[in-house]
Protein backbone atom coordinates (compact mmCIF):
# COMPACT_ATOMS: atom_id res chain seq x y z
CA UNK A 1 -0.04 -0.27 0.23
CA UNK A 2 1.39 3.50 -1.21
CA UNK A 3 1.67 6.14 1.13
CA UNK A 4 1.17 9.52 0.02
CA UNK A 5 3.60 12.40 1.53
CA UNK A 6 1.20 15.59 2.93
CA UNK A 7 1.52 18.57 0.16
CA UNK A 8 3.89 20.70 0.90
CA UNK A 9 2.97 23.72 3.13
CA UNK A 10 1.59 26.65 1.44
CA UNK A 11 1.61 29.80 4.18
CA UNK A 12 -1.64 31.94 3.94
CA UNK A 13 -1.66 35.08 3.15
CA UNK A 14 -2.61 36.66 6.60
CA UNK A 15 -2.99 40.71 6.14
CA UNK A 16 -6.25 41.05 5.58
CA UNK A 17 -7.25 37.78 7.67
CA UNK A 18 -10.44 38.24 9.33
CA UNK A 19 -12.42 35.10 11.34
CA UNK A 20 -15.90 36.23 12.17
CA UNK A 21 -17.99 34.27 14.38
CA UNK A 22 -21.54 34.43 15.64
CA UNK A 23 -20.68 37.51 18.41
CA UNK A 24 -17.24 38.13 17.56
CA UNK A 25 -14.64 38.94 14.97
CA UNK A 26 -10.87 37.87 15.03
CA UNK A 27 -8.35 40.15 13.08
CA UNK A 28 -5.01 41.18 12.35
CA UNK A 29 -4.26 43.85 15.31
CA UNK A 30 -4.14 47.68 14.29
CA UNK A 31 -2.08 50.59 15.84
CA UNK A 32 -5.20 51.88 17.33
CA UNK A 33 -5.90 48.65 19.49
CA UNK A 34 -2.66 50.13 21.54
CA UNK A 35 -4.68 51.59 24.50
CA UNK A 36 -6.76 48.14 24.58
CA UNK A 37 -4.16 45.63 24.28
CA UNK A 38 -1.90 47.38 27.04
CA UNK A 39 -4.89 47.90 29.48
CA UNK A 40 -5.38 44.00 29.35
CA UNK A 41 -1.75 42.88 29.08
CA UNK A 42 -0.54 45.75 31.97
CA UNK A 43 -2.78 43.39 34.68
CA UNK A 44 -1.70 41.08 37.09
CA UNK A 45 -4.30 38.90 36.52
CA UNK A 46 -3.96 38.36 32.96
CA UNK A 47 -0.13 37.93 33.20
CA UNK A 48 -0.31 35.51 35.89
CA UNK A 49 -1.48 32.96 33.01
CA UNK A 50 0.96 33.58 30.41
CA UNK A 51 4.58 32.70 30.36
CA UNK A 52 5.88 36.36 30.73
CA UNK A 53 5.20 39.00 33.53
CA UNK A 54 2.78 42.31 33.16
CA UNK A 55 3.94 44.61 30.04
CA UNK A 56 4.82 48.09 29.96
CA UNK A 57 3.49 50.57 27.61
CA UNK A 58 6.40 50.67 25.74
CA UNK A 59 6.75 46.55 25.73
CA UNK A 60 2.80 46.12 24.94
CA UNK A 61 3.89 49.11 21.57
CA UNK A 62 6.59 46.57 20.94
CA UNK A 63 4.29 43.51 20.91
CA UNK A 64 1.56 45.01 18.73
CA UNK A 65 3.64 46.29 15.77
CA UNK A 66 5.27 42.55 15.84
CA UNK A 67 1.44 41.47 16.01
CA UNK A 68 0.81 43.36 13.13
CA UNK A 69 2.80 41.90 10.95
CA UNK A 70 1.18 37.79 11.55
CA UNK A 71 3.59 35.36 9.82
CA UNK A 72 2.83 31.37 9.80
CA UNK A 73 5.79 30.64 7.66
CA UNK A 74 7.96 28.62 9.41
CA UNK A 75 8.24 26.34 12.41
CA UNK A 76 7.53 28.37 15.80
CA UNK A 77 6.02 31.26 13.72
CA UNK A 78 3.32 33.31 15.83
CA UNK A 79 -0.17 34.75 14.91
CA UNK A 80 -1.50 36.82 17.25
CA UNK A 81 -5.19 38.33 16.60
CA UNK A 82 -7.04 40.62 17.82
CA UNK A 83 -10.52 40.13 19.62
CA UNK A 84 -13.37 42.38 19.09
CA UNK A 85 -17.19 41.72 19.89
CA UNK A 86 -19.12 42.31 16.88
CA UNK A 87 -22.18 44.46 18.34
CA UNK A 88 -19.75 47.26 19.77
CA UNK A 89 -16.44 46.46 18.34
CA UNK A 90 -14.93 46.42 21.76
CA UNK A 91 -11.57 44.82 22.04
CA UNK A 92 -11.78 41.83 24.38
CA UNK A 93 -8.61 39.92 23.90
CA UNK A 94 -6.49 38.16 21.29
CA UNK A 95 -6.12 35.09 20.11
CA UNK A 96 -3.22 32.75 19.21
CA UNK A 97 -2.29 30.46 16.80
CA UNK A 98 1.87 29.09 16.38
CA UNK A 99 2.98 26.98 13.69
CA UNK A 100 4.78 24.23 15.62
CA UNK A 101 6.16 22.09 13.35
CA UNK A 102 5.82 21.99 9.33
CA UNK A 103 7.43 18.61 9.26
CA UNK A 104 4.46 16.94 11.39
CA UNK A 105 1.76 19.62 9.99
CA UNK A 106 1.41 20.54 14.04
CA UNK A 107 0.27 23.80 15.75
CA UNK A 108 -0.69 25.17 19.17
CA UNK A 109 -3.60 27.28 19.92
CA UNK A 110 -4.55 30.08 22.74
CA UNK A 111 -6.39 32.76 23.82
CA UNK A 112 -6.37 36.00 26.27
CA UNK A 113 -9.80 37.23 27.62
CA UNK A 114 -9.49 40.55 29.15
CA UNK A 115 -10.95 39.74 32.67
CA UNK A 116 -14.27 42.47 32.25
CA UNK A 117 -14.80 39.82 29.39
CA UNK A 118 -14.16 36.44 31.40
CA UNK A 119 -17.55 33.83 32.09
CA UNK A 120 -19.36 34.85 28.54
CA UNK A 121 -17.88 31.87 26.46
CA UNK A 122 -15.81 33.84 24.54
CA UNK A 123 -12.59 32.16 25.02
CA UNK A 124 -14.97 29.15 23.65
CA UNK A 125 -15.40 30.56 20.55
CA UNK A 126 -12.01 32.36 20.47
CA UNK A 127 -11.05 28.92 20.20
CA UNK A 128 -13.55 27.30 17.85
CA UNK A 129 -12.23 29.71 15.69
CA UNK A 130 -8.82 29.15 15.77
CA UNK A 131 -9.40 25.68 15.31
CA UNK A 132 -11.38 25.84 12.54
CA UNK A 133 -8.77 28.07 10.67
CA UNK A 134 -5.63 26.06 11.42
CA UNK A 135 -7.13 22.69 10.30
CA UNK A 136 -8.75 24.22 7.20
CA UNK A 137 -7.72 24.16 4.09
CA UNK A 138 -6.50 20.76 5.16
CA UNK A 139 -3.41 22.33 6.53
CA UNK A 140 -2.65 21.50 10.10
CA UNK A 141 -3.20 17.39 11.28
CA UNK A 142 -2.63 18.20 14.86
CA UNK A 143 -3.23 21.63 16.86
CA UNK A 144 -2.75 21.93 20.84
CA UNK A 145 -4.00 24.06 23.40
CA UNK A 146 -2.72 25.15 26.50
CA UNK A 147 -5.08 26.71 28.52
CA UNK A 148 -5.58 27.50 32.42
């Protein structure tokens, strides 16, 4: 029985990416997200669940600029998407996709939801959207999630 090798990985064009769910829009971050992005990432109760500490305004600015140029083309590339609520365009968090291994077509997903918006099922909705993106177009074969 012949085994067909997987098709070569094709990095998606992410600049205009927008994932729309029932209540949310996951999109590439914009410069005007800085105030809300920093308000969330400068909190101890957010940083407690992340592998980094509380961010200063300058650290948030640098992270946001990096996030504004998403790339999923090489092992361990990270794409962070801003998450906004559809009904009022409020920034409520971020969703993350990490391309862990092209050879094994593996990835990872994660999220951060601002504490003021927790308990509404947004984390589940973000995760489902990111899984749909990762498994879409028959790209990734395995996706893991680390959640706290």
